[in-house]
């Protein structure tokens, strides 16, 4: 297997040149575009897409949601259709596993609208850079003001710039899964 280096990291040459990326972000974005057009016609939202190498090989995960929650039948139907679309529109020479599921109780918060939709829910937000000496914030989502997420943590409101958020997800400690 040949390797290509981008910014000092080895990249798998089994992917076509147009899909080279450091973290699979470009691949995830292309898959998101394909999945979104399919899911919109089915009344389903694409919550998050990840493409990463794991011990078992390359994994492409697509998390879905819809009002009332995602069912196993929804996941099965979307998975079959998406698999066919990816076979036609997503050329890879390497194998990958496609996983389509509900985001579960730790639903990722990816878009500005997510932070507004889940106002009042508990969330964990990790920032790319340190803010006030820390990167991890746990609290209640209060909404969005301009491009800042407002999180009530430790009895005070913290404004976190959207562009500083590296990762965020809901925390449902009671195990409830409304997705």
N, C-alpha and C. Protein backbone atom coordinates (compact mmCIF):
# COMPACT_ATOMS: atom_id res chain seq x y z
N UNK A 1 0.85 -1.17 0.00
CA UNK A 1 0.00 0.00 0.00
C UNK A 1 0.89 1.24 0.00
N UNK A 2 0.63 2.15 -0.90
CA UNK A 2 1.40 3.38 -0.94
C UNK A 2 0.77 4.40 0.00
N UNK A 3 1.55 5.34 0.43
CA UNK A 3 1.09 6.37 1.35
C UNK A 3 1.33 7.74 0.74
N UNK A 4 0.55 8.69 1.13
CA UNK A 4 0.76 10.09 0.77
C UNK A 4 0.83 10.85 2.08
N UNK A 5 1.65 11.86 2.13
CA UNK A 5 1.76 12.67 3.34
C UNK A 5 1.10 14.02 3.11
N UNK A 6 0.24 14.41 4.05
CA UNK A 6 -0.37 15.73 4.05
C UNK A 6 -0.12 16.30 5.43
N UNK A 7 0.54 17.45 5.47
CA UNK A 7 0.89 18.09 6.73
C UNK A 7 1.58 17.11 7.68
N UNK A 8 2.46 16.27 7.14
CA UNK A 8 3.25 15.36 7.96
C UNK A 8 2.55 14.08 8.37
N UNK A 9 1.26 13.90 8.00
CA UNK A 9 0.53 12.69 8.36
C UNK A 9 0.42 11.78 7.16
N UNK A 10 0.48 10.46 7.40
CA UNK A 10 0.31 9.50 6.33
C UNK A 10 -1.17 9.36 6.01
N UNK A 11 -1.47 9.35 4.73
CA UNK A 11 -2.84 9.23 4.27
C UNK A 11 -2.93 7.99 3.38
N UNK A 12 -3.97 7.19 3.56
CA UNK A 12 -4.18 5.96 2.81
C UNK A 12 -4.37 6.27 1.32
N UNK A 13 -3.57 5.65 0.46
CA UNK A 13 -3.66 5.87 -0.99
C UNK A 13 -4.78 5.06 -1.62
N UNK A 14 -5.50 4.25 -0.85
CA UNK A 14 -6.62 3.51 -1.42
C UNK A 14 -7.79 4.41 -1.78
N UNK A 15 -7.75 5.64 -1.30
CA UNK A 15 -8.80 6.60 -1.63
C UNK A 15 -8.38 7.43 -2.83
N UNK A 16 -9.33 7.79 -3.69
CA UNK A 16 -8.98 8.65 -4.82
C UNK A 16 -8.41 9.97 -4.33
N UNK A 17 -7.60 10.58 -5.15
CA UNK A 17 -6.92 11.84 -4.81
C UNK A 17 -7.89 12.89 -4.27
N UNK A 18 -9.10 12.98 -4.83
CA UNK A 18 -10.02 14.03 -4.41
C UNK A 18 -10.57 13.80 -3.00
N UNK A 19 -10.36 12.61 -2.43
CA UNK A 19 -10.88 12.33 -1.09
C UNK A 19 -9.81 12.38 -0.01
N UNK A 20 -8.58 12.78 -0.33
CA UNK A 20 -7.54 12.85 0.69
C UNK A 20 -7.89 13.90 1.73
N UNK A 21 -7.77 13.55 2.97
CA UNK A 21 -7.97 14.50 4.06
C UNK A 21 -7.26 13.98 5.28
N UNK A 22 -7.04 14.85 6.24
CA UNK A 22 -6.32 14.44 7.43
C UNK A 22 -7.19 13.60 8.33
N UNK A 23 -8.39 14.03 8.64
CA UNK A 23 -9.26 13.35 9.58
C UNK A 23 -10.49 12.73 8.94
N UNK A 24 -10.52 12.63 7.67
CA UNK A 24 -11.70 12.11 7.00
C UNK A 24 -12.81 13.14 6.92
N UNK A 25 -12.50 14.40 7.23
CA UNK A 25 -13.54 15.44 7.23
C UNK A 25 -14.10 15.70 5.84
N UNK A 26 -13.23 15.66 4.83
CA UNK A 26 -13.71 15.89 3.47
C UNK A 26 -14.62 14.75 3.03
N UNK A 27 -14.26 13.53 3.38
CA UNK A 27 -15.08 12.37 3.03
C UNK A 27 -16.42 12.48 3.73
N UNK A 28 -16.40 12.78 5.02
CA UNK A 28 -17.63 12.91 5.79
C UNK A 28 -18.53 13.98 5.19
N UNK A 29 -17.95 15.09 4.74
CA UNK A 29 -18.75 16.16 4.16
C UNK A 29 -19.39 15.72 2.84
N UNK A 30 -18.65 15.01 2.00
CA UNK A 30 -19.21 14.51 0.74
C UNK A 30 -20.36 13.54 1.01
N UNK A 31 -20.15 12.65 1.99
CA UNK A 31 -21.20 11.68 2.34
C UNK A 31 -22.41 12.41 2.92
N UNK A 32 -22.16 13.44 3.73
CA UNK A 32 -23.26 14.23 4.30
C UNK A 32 -24.12 14.82 3.18
N UNK A 33 -23.50 15.34 2.12
CA UNK A 33 -24.25 15.91 0.99
C UNK A 33 -25.14 14.86 0.35
N UNK A 34 -24.58 13.69 0.11
CA UNK A 34 -25.34 12.60 -0.52
C UNK A 34 -26.47 12.14 0.40
N UNK A 35 -26.15 11.93 1.68
CA UNK A 35 -27.13 11.44 2.65
C UNK A 35 -28.24 12.45 2.89
N UNK A 36 -27.90 13.73 2.93
CA UNK A 36 -28.90 14.77 3.20
C UNK A 36 -29.97 14.80 2.12
N UNK A 37 -29.57 14.72 0.86
CA UNK A 37 -30.58 14.74 -0.20
C UNK A 37 -31.51 13.53 -0.11
N UNK A 38 -30.97 12.37 0.24
CA UNK A 38 -31.79 11.18 0.41
C UNK A 38 -32.71 11.33 1.62
N UNK A 39 -32.15 11.74 2.75
CA UNK A 39 -32.90 11.80 4.00
C UNK A 39 -34.00 12.85 3.98
N UNK A 40 -33.76 13.98 3.33
CA UNK A 40 -34.79 15.01 3.24
C UNK A 40 -36.05 14.46 2.57
N UNK A 41 -35.87 13.64 1.55
CA UNK A 41 -37.02 13.07 0.86
C UNK A 41 -37.76 12.04 1.72
N UNK A 42 -37.08 11.53 2.76
CA UNK A 42 -37.68 10.54 3.66
C UNK A 42 -38.16 11.18 4.96
N UNK A 43 -38.02 12.51 5.10
CA UNK A 43 -38.43 13.19 6.32
C UNK A 43 -37.51 12.94 7.50
N UNK A 44 -36.24 12.70 7.21
CA UNK A 44 -35.25 12.36 8.23
C UNK A 44 -34.12 13.39 8.17
N UNK A 45 -33.56 13.73 9.34
CA UNK A 45 -32.44 14.66 9.44
C UNK A 45 -31.13 13.91 9.60
N UNK A 46 -30.12 14.33 8.85
CA UNK A 46 -28.77 13.81 9.06
C UNK A 46 -28.17 14.64 10.19
N UNK A 47 -27.93 13.99 11.32
CA UNK A 47 -27.42 14.68 12.50
C UNK A 47 -25.91 14.85 12.42
N UNK A 48 -25.22 13.79 12.04
CA UNK A 48 -23.76 13.81 12.07
C UNK A 48 -23.24 12.69 11.17
N UNK A 49 -22.08 12.93 10.55
CA UNK A 49 -21.41 11.91 9.74
C UNK A 49 -19.95 11.87 10.18
N UNK A 50 -19.43 10.67 10.41
CA UNK A 50 -18.02 10.51 10.75
C UNK A 50 -17.41 9.45 9.84
N UNK A 51 -16.17 9.67 9.50
CA UNK A 51 -15.41 8.68 8.73
C UNK A 51 -14.06 8.57 9.42
N UNK A 52 -13.76 7.37 9.92
CA UNK A 52 -12.51 7.21 10.66
C UNK A 52 -12.00 5.78 10.57
N UNK A 53 -10.72 5.66 10.83
CA UNK A 53 -10.10 4.35 10.87
C UNK A 53 -10.19 3.84 12.31
N UNK A 54 -10.65 2.60 12.45
CA UNK A 54 -10.73 1.96 13.76
C UNK A 54 -10.02 0.62 13.67
N UNK A 55 -9.96 -0.12 14.77
CA UNK A 55 -9.26 -1.40 14.78
C UNK A 55 -9.84 -2.36 13.75
N UNK A 56 -11.13 -2.28 13.51
CA UNK A 56 -11.79 -3.18 12.57
C UNK A 56 -11.68 -2.70 11.13
N UNK A 57 -11.11 -1.53 10.90
CA UNK A 57 -10.98 -0.97 9.56
C UNK A 57 -11.65 0.40 9.48
N UNK A 58 -11.90 0.86 8.27
CA UNK A 58 -12.53 2.17 8.07
C UNK A 58 -14.03 2.06 8.33
N UNK A 59 -14.55 3.05 9.07
CA UNK A 59 -15.97 3.05 9.42
C UNK A 59 -16.57 4.39 9.01
N UNK A 60 -17.69 4.32 8.33
CA UNK A 60 -18.46 5.50 7.95
C UNK A 60 -19.75 5.43 8.75
N UNK A 61 -19.93 6.36 9.69
CA UNK A 61 -21.12 6.39 10.55
C UNK A 61 -21.99 7.57 10.17
N UNK A 62 -23.28 7.28 10.04
CA UNK A 62 -24.26 8.30 9.73
C UNK A 62 -25.34 8.24 10.81
N UNK A 63 -25.49 9.34 11.55
CA UNK A 63 -26.48 9.42 12.62
C UNK A 63 -27.70 10.17 12.11
N UNK A 64 -28.88 9.62 12.35
CA UNK A 64 -30.13 10.17 11.84
C UNK A 64 -31.10 10.48 12.96
N UNK A 65 -32.01 11.41 12.72
CA UNK A 65 -33.07 11.72 13.68
C UNK A 65 -34.29 12.20 12.91
N UNK A 66 -35.43 12.13 13.54
CA UNK A 66 -36.66 12.69 12.98
C UNK A 66 -37.63 12.91 14.13
N UNK A 67 -38.64 13.75 13.92
CA UNK A 67 -39.63 13.96 14.98
C UNK A 67 -40.25 12.63 15.39
N UNK A 68 -40.29 12.38 16.67
CA UNK A 68 -40.83 11.10 17.15
C UNK A 68 -39.78 10.02 17.28
N UNK A 69 -38.59 10.28 16.76
CA UNK A 69 -37.49 9.33 16.91
C UNK A 69 -37.31 8.42 15.71
N UNK A 70 -36.11 7.91 15.59
CA UNK A 70 -35.73 7.00 14.51
C UNK A 70 -36.01 5.57 14.93
N UNK A 71 -36.54 4.78 14.02
CA UNK A 71 -36.80 3.36 14.29
C UNK A 71 -35.77 2.51 13.57
N UNK A 72 -35.73 1.25 13.93
CA UNK A 72 -34.85 0.31 13.25
C UNK A 72 -35.21 0.22 11.77
N UNK A 73 -36.50 0.25 11.46
CA UNK A 73 -36.93 0.22 10.05
C UNK A 73 -36.42 1.43 9.28
N UNK A 74 -36.43 2.61 9.92
CA UNK A 74 -35.90 3.82 9.28
C UNK A 74 -34.42 3.63 8.96
N UNK A 75 -33.67 3.16 9.95
CA UNK A 75 -32.22 2.97 9.75
C UNK A 75 -31.94 1.95 8.65
N UNK A 76 -32.70 0.87 8.64
CA UNK A 76 -32.51 -0.17 7.63
C UNK A 76 -32.80 0.36 6.24
N UNK A 77 -33.91 1.08 6.09
CA UNK A 77 -34.29 1.63 4.79
C UNK A 77 -33.26 2.63 4.29
N UNK A 78 -32.87 3.58 5.15
CA UNK A 78 -31.88 4.59 4.75
C UNK A 78 -30.55 3.93 4.46
N UNK A 79 -30.15 2.96 5.27
CA UNK A 79 -28.87 2.28 5.07
C UNK A 79 -28.80 1.62 3.69
N UNK A 80 -29.86 0.92 3.31
CA UNK A 80 -29.89 0.25 2.00
C UNK A 80 -29.82 1.26 0.86
N UNK A 81 -30.63 2.30 0.95
CA UNK A 81 -30.64 3.31 -0.12
C UNK A 81 -29.31 4.07 -0.18
N UNK A 82 -28.78 4.44 1.00
CA UNK A 82 -27.52 5.18 1.05
C UNK A 82 -26.38 4.33 0.53
N UNK A 83 -26.37 3.06 0.87
CA UNK A 83 -25.33 2.16 0.38
C UNK A 83 -25.30 2.14 -1.15
N UNK A 84 -26.49 2.07 -1.75
CA UNK A 84 -26.58 2.08 -3.22
C UNK A 84 -26.08 3.41 -3.78
N UNK A 85 -26.48 4.52 -3.17
CA UNK A 85 -26.04 5.84 -3.65
C UNK A 85 -24.53 5.99 -3.51
N UNK A 86 -23.97 5.51 -2.41
CA UNK A 86 -22.53 5.62 -2.22
C UNK A 86 -21.77 4.75 -3.21
N UNK A 87 -22.32 3.57 -3.53
CA UNK A 87 -21.69 2.71 -4.54
C UNK A 87 -21.57 3.42 -5.88
N UNK A 88 -22.57 4.24 -6.21
CA UNK A 88 -22.59 4.94 -7.49
C UNK A 88 -21.79 6.25 -7.43
N UNK A 89 -21.92 7.01 -6.33
CA UNK A 89 -21.38 8.37 -6.26
C UNK A 89 -20.12 8.55 -5.42
N UNK A 90 -19.65 7.51 -4.77
CA UNK A 90 -18.57 7.64 -3.82
C UNK A 90 -17.55 6.55 -4.13
N UNK A 91 -16.60 6.90 -4.98
CA UNK A 91 -15.62 5.91 -5.44
C UNK A 91 -14.49 5.73 -4.43
N UNK A 92 -14.42 4.54 -3.86
CA UNK A 92 -13.27 4.20 -3.02
C UNK A 92 -12.77 2.84 -3.49
N UNK A 93 -11.47 2.68 -3.42
CA UNK A 93 -10.90 1.39 -3.76
C UNK A 93 -10.71 0.56 -2.50
N UNK A 94 -10.82 1.18 -1.35
CA UNK A 94 -10.68 0.48 -0.08
C UNK A 94 -12.03 0.18 0.52
N UNK A 95 -12.08 -0.84 1.34
CA UNK A 95 -13.32 -1.24 1.99
C UNK A 95 -13.59 -0.35 3.20
N UNK A 96 -14.87 -0.17 3.50
CA UNK A 96 -15.29 0.54 4.70
C UNK A 96 -16.61 -0.06 5.14
N UNK A 97 -16.93 0.09 6.41
CA UNK A 97 -18.21 -0.37 6.95
C UNK A 97 -19.13 0.84 7.08
N UNK A 98 -20.36 0.70 6.63
CA UNK A 98 -21.37 1.75 6.76
C UNK A 98 -22.25 1.42 7.95
N UNK A 99 -22.37 2.36 8.89
CA UNK A 99 -23.24 2.22 10.04
C UNK A 99 -24.23 3.38 10.03
N UNK A 100 -25.52 3.06 10.08
CA UNK A 100 -26.57 4.08 10.11
C UNK A 100 -27.36 3.85 11.38
N UNK A 101 -27.48 4.89 12.23
CA UNK A 101 -28.16 4.70 13.50
C UNK A 101 -28.71 5.99 14.05
N UNK A 102 -29.45 5.85 15.14
CA UNK A 102 -29.88 6.99 15.94
C UNK A 102 -28.66 7.54 16.65
N UNK A 103 -28.63 8.83 16.94
CA UNK A 103 -27.49 9.38 17.66
C UNK A 103 -27.43 8.93 19.12
N UNK A 104 -28.50 8.36 19.64
CA UNK A 104 -28.51 7.88 21.01
C UNK A 104 -28.60 9.00 22.03
N UNK A 105 -28.46 8.64 23.31
CA UNK A 105 -28.62 9.65 24.37
C UNK A 105 -27.52 10.70 24.37
N UNK A 106 -26.38 10.41 23.78
CA UNK A 106 -25.30 11.40 23.69
C UNK A 106 -25.29 12.02 22.30
N UNK A 107 -26.45 12.51 21.89
CA UNK A 107 -26.63 13.08 20.55
C UNK A 107 -25.62 14.19 20.31
N UNK A 108 -24.86 14.09 19.21
CA UNK A 108 -23.92 15.17 18.88
C UNK A 108 -24.67 16.47 18.57
N UNK A 109 -24.08 17.57 18.97
CA UNK A 109 -24.59 18.89 18.65
C UNK A 109 -23.62 19.50 17.65
N UNK A 110 -24.04 19.62 16.41
CA UNK A 110 -23.12 20.00 15.33
C UNK A 110 -23.42 21.35 14.71
N UNK A 111 -24.70 21.68 14.63
CA UNK A 111 -25.10 22.91 13.95
C UNK A 111 -25.62 23.92 14.98
N UNK A 112 -25.57 25.15 14.60
CA UNK A 112 -26.08 26.23 15.46
C UNK A 112 -27.52 25.94 15.89
N UNK A 113 -28.32 25.42 14.96
CA UNK A 113 -29.71 25.12 15.24
C UNK A 113 -29.87 24.05 16.32
N UNK A 114 -28.91 23.10 16.40
CA UNK A 114 -28.97 22.05 17.42
C UNK A 114 -28.94 22.64 18.82
N UNK A 115 -28.08 23.64 19.02
CA UNK A 115 -27.95 24.25 20.33
C UNK A 115 -29.22 25.00 20.74
N UNK A 116 -29.93 25.52 19.76
CA UNK A 116 -31.19 26.20 20.04
C UNK A 116 -32.31 25.18 20.26
N UNK A 117 -32.34 24.13 19.45
CA UNK A 117 -33.39 23.11 19.55
C UNK A 117 -33.38 22.38 20.89
N UNK A 118 -32.21 22.20 21.46
CA UNK A 118 -32.09 21.45 22.70
C UNK A 118 -31.88 22.36 23.91
N UNK A 119 -32.37 23.59 23.78
CA UNK A 119 -32.32 24.54 24.89
C UNK A 119 -33.01 23.90 26.10
N UNK A 120 -32.34 23.98 27.26
CA UNK A 120 -32.89 23.39 28.48
C UNK A 120 -32.32 22.01 28.78
N UNK A 121 -31.65 21.39 27.82
CA UNK A 121 -31.04 20.08 28.03
C UNK A 121 -29.61 20.24 28.52
N UNK A 122 -29.12 19.21 29.20
CA UNK A 122 -27.74 19.21 29.69
C UNK A 122 -26.81 18.80 28.55
N UNK A 123 -25.67 19.46 28.46
CA UNK A 123 -24.72 19.19 27.37
C UNK A 123 -23.29 19.25 27.88
N UNK A 124 -22.42 18.61 27.14
CA UNK A 124 -20.98 18.69 27.37
C UNK A 124 -20.38 19.31 26.13
N UNK A 125 -19.61 20.38 26.31
CA UNK A 125 -18.98 21.08 25.20
C UNK A 125 -17.48 21.09 25.43
N UNK A 126 -16.72 20.68 24.40
CA UNK A 126 -15.26 20.75 24.44
C UNK A 126 -14.82 21.80 23.43
N UNK A 127 -13.99 22.72 23.89
CA UNK A 127 -13.51 23.78 23.00
C UNK A 127 -12.15 23.42 22.42
N UNK A 128 -11.85 24.01 21.28
CA UNK A 128 -10.57 23.76 20.61
C UNK A 128 -9.42 24.38 21.40
N UNK A 129 -9.67 25.54 21.98
CA UNK A 129 -8.65 26.23 22.77
C UNK A 129 -9.17 26.45 24.18
N UNK A 130 -8.26 26.63 25.06
CA UNK A 130 -8.60 26.86 26.46
C UNK A 130 -9.35 28.18 26.61
N UNK A 131 -10.40 28.15 27.41
CA UNK A 131 -11.17 29.34 27.74
C UNK A 131 -11.20 29.43 29.27
N UNK A 132 -10.56 30.43 29.82
CA UNK A 132 -10.52 30.58 31.27
C UNK A 132 -9.80 29.42 31.94
N UNK A 133 -8.82 28.85 31.25
CA UNK A 133 -8.03 27.77 31.82
C UNK A 133 -8.63 26.38 31.66
N UNK A 134 -9.71 26.26 30.88
CA UNK A 134 -10.30 24.93 30.68
C UNK A 134 -10.87 24.78 29.28
N UNK A 135 -11.06 23.52 28.89
CA UNK A 135 -11.61 23.22 27.57
C UNK A 135 -12.95 22.50 27.64
N UNK A 136 -13.26 21.88 28.77
CA UNK A 136 -14.50 21.11 28.91
C UNK A 136 -15.50 21.86 29.77
N UNK A 137 -16.74 21.96 29.25
CA UNK A 137 -17.81 22.67 29.95
C UNK A 137 -19.05 21.80 29.97
N UNK A 138 -19.61 21.59 31.14
CA UNK A 138 -20.82 20.80 31.31
C UNK A 138 -21.88 21.69 31.94
N UNK A 139 -23.07 21.72 31.35
CA UNK A 139 -24.12 22.55 31.91
C UNK A 139 -25.40 22.46 31.10
N UNK A 140 -26.29 23.41 31.35
CA UNK A 140 -27.59 23.46 30.68
C UNK A 140 -27.52 24.44 29.51
N UNK A 141 -27.95 23.98 28.34
CA UNK A 141 -27.99 24.86 27.17
C UNK A 141 -29.05 25.93 27.37
N UNK A 142 -28.67 27.17 27.18
CA UNK A 142 -29.58 28.31 27.32
C UNK A 142 -29.96 28.91 25.98
N UNK A 143 -29.30 28.48 24.90
CA UNK A 143 -29.63 28.99 23.58
C UNK A 143 -28.43 29.58 22.88
N UNK A 144 -28.73 30.39 21.86
CA UNK A 144 -27.70 30.97 21.02
C UNK A 144 -27.94 32.47 20.91
N UNK A 145 -26.87 33.23 21.11
CA UNK A 145 -26.91 34.68 20.89
C UNK A 145 -25.82 34.97 19.87
N UNK A 146 -26.26 35.43 18.69
CA UNK A 146 -25.36 35.64 17.55
C UNK A 146 -24.64 34.33 17.28
N UNK A 147 -23.31 34.30 17.34
CA UNK A 147 -22.57 33.07 17.09
C UNK A 147 -21.94 32.53 18.37
N UNK A 148 -22.64 32.72 19.49
CA UNK A 148 -22.16 32.22 20.78
C UNK A 148 -23.21 31.31 21.40
N UNK A 149 -22.75 30.17 21.90
CA UNK A 149 -23.61 29.23 22.59
C UNK A 149 -23.61 29.64 24.06
N UNK A 150 -24.78 29.76 24.65
CA UNK A 150 -24.89 30.13 26.06
C UNK A 150 -25.15 28.85 26.85
N UNK A 151 -24.26 28.59 27.80
CA UNK A 151 -24.33 27.39 28.63
C UNK A 151 -24.31 27.82 30.09
N UNK A 152 -25.31 27.36 30.85
CA UNK A 152 -25.31 27.64 32.29
C UNK A 152 -24.50 26.54 32.96
N UNK A 153 -23.37 26.92 33.53
CA UNK A 153 -22.49 25.98 34.21
C UNK A 153 -22.05 26.59 35.53
N UNK A 154 -22.16 25.83 36.58
CA UNK A 154 -21.73 26.29 37.90
C UNK A 154 -22.39 27.61 38.27
N UNK A 155 -23.70 27.69 38.09
CA UNK A 155 -24.52 28.85 38.46
C UNK A 155 -24.16 30.14 37.76
N UNK A 156 -23.54 30.07 36.59
CA UNK A 156 -23.30 31.27 35.79
C UNK A 156 -23.41 30.91 34.32
N UNK A 157 -23.72 31.91 33.50
CA UNK A 157 -23.81 31.70 32.06
C UNK A 157 -22.44 31.91 31.43
N UNK A 158 -22.08 30.98 30.55
CA UNK A 158 -20.82 31.05 29.82
C UNK A 158 -21.16 31.17 28.35
N UNK A 159 -20.56 32.13 27.67
CA UNK A 159 -20.75 32.32 26.23
C UNK A 159 -19.57 31.69 25.51
N UNK A 160 -19.86 30.67 24.71
CA UNK A 160 -18.81 29.94 24.00
C UNK A 160 -18.97 30.21 22.51
N UNK A 161 -17.96 30.82 21.88
CA UNK A 161 -18.05 31.07 20.43
C UNK A 161 -18.22 29.76 19.66
N UNK A 162 -19.15 29.73 18.74
CA UNK A 162 -19.44 28.53 17.96
C UNK A 162 -18.18 28.01 17.26
N UNK A 163 -17.35 28.91 16.73
CA UNK A 163 -16.16 28.47 16.00
C UNK A 163 -15.11 27.85 16.92
N UNK A 164 -15.24 28.03 18.23
CA UNK A 164 -14.30 27.45 19.18
C UNK A 164 -14.69 26.05 19.64
N UNK A 165 -15.89 25.60 19.27
CA UNK A 165 -16.37 24.30 19.73
C UNK A 165 -15.75 23.19 18.88
N UNK A 166 -15.00 22.32 19.56
CA UNK A 166 -14.38 21.17 18.89
C UNK A 166 -15.36 20.01 18.85
N UNK A 167 -16.11 19.82 19.93
CA UNK A 167 -17.05 18.71 20.02
C UNK A 167 -18.09 19.05 21.07
N UNK A 168 -19.33 18.65 20.82
CA UNK A 168 -20.40 18.88 21.78
C UNK A 168 -21.44 17.77 21.65
N UNK A 169 -22.02 17.39 22.78
CA UNK A 169 -23.09 16.40 22.74
C UNK A 169 -23.99 16.55 23.96
N UNK A 170 -25.21 16.01 23.83
CA UNK A 170 -26.15 16.03 24.93
C UNK A 170 -25.70 15.04 26.00
N UNK A 171 -26.12 15.32 27.22
CA UNK A 171 -25.90 14.39 28.34
C UNK A 171 -27.26 14.02 28.90
N UNK A 172 -27.65 12.80 28.72
CA UNK A 172 -28.92 12.32 29.29
C UNK A 172 -28.56 11.25 30.29
N UNK A 173 -28.45 11.66 31.54
CA UNK A 173 -27.99 10.77 32.59
C UNK A 173 -29.03 9.74 32.98
N UNK A 174 -30.30 9.99 32.67
CA UNK A 174 -31.35 9.03 33.01
C UNK A 174 -31.47 7.92 31.97
N UNK A 175 -30.62 7.98 30.95
CA UNK A 175 -30.63 6.95 29.91
C UNK A 175 -31.72 7.16 28.88
N UNK A 176 -32.52 8.19 29.05
CA UNK A 176 -33.60 8.47 28.12
C UNK A 176 -33.03 8.76 26.74
N UNK A 177 -33.61 8.16 25.74
CA UNK A 177 -33.19 8.41 24.37
C UNK A 177 -34.40 8.88 23.59
N UNK A 178 -34.48 10.18 23.37
CA UNK A 178 -35.63 10.72 22.63
C UNK A 178 -35.36 10.79 21.15
N UNK A 179 -34.22 10.30 20.71
CA UNK A 179 -33.89 10.36 19.30
C UNK A 179 -34.46 9.18 18.56
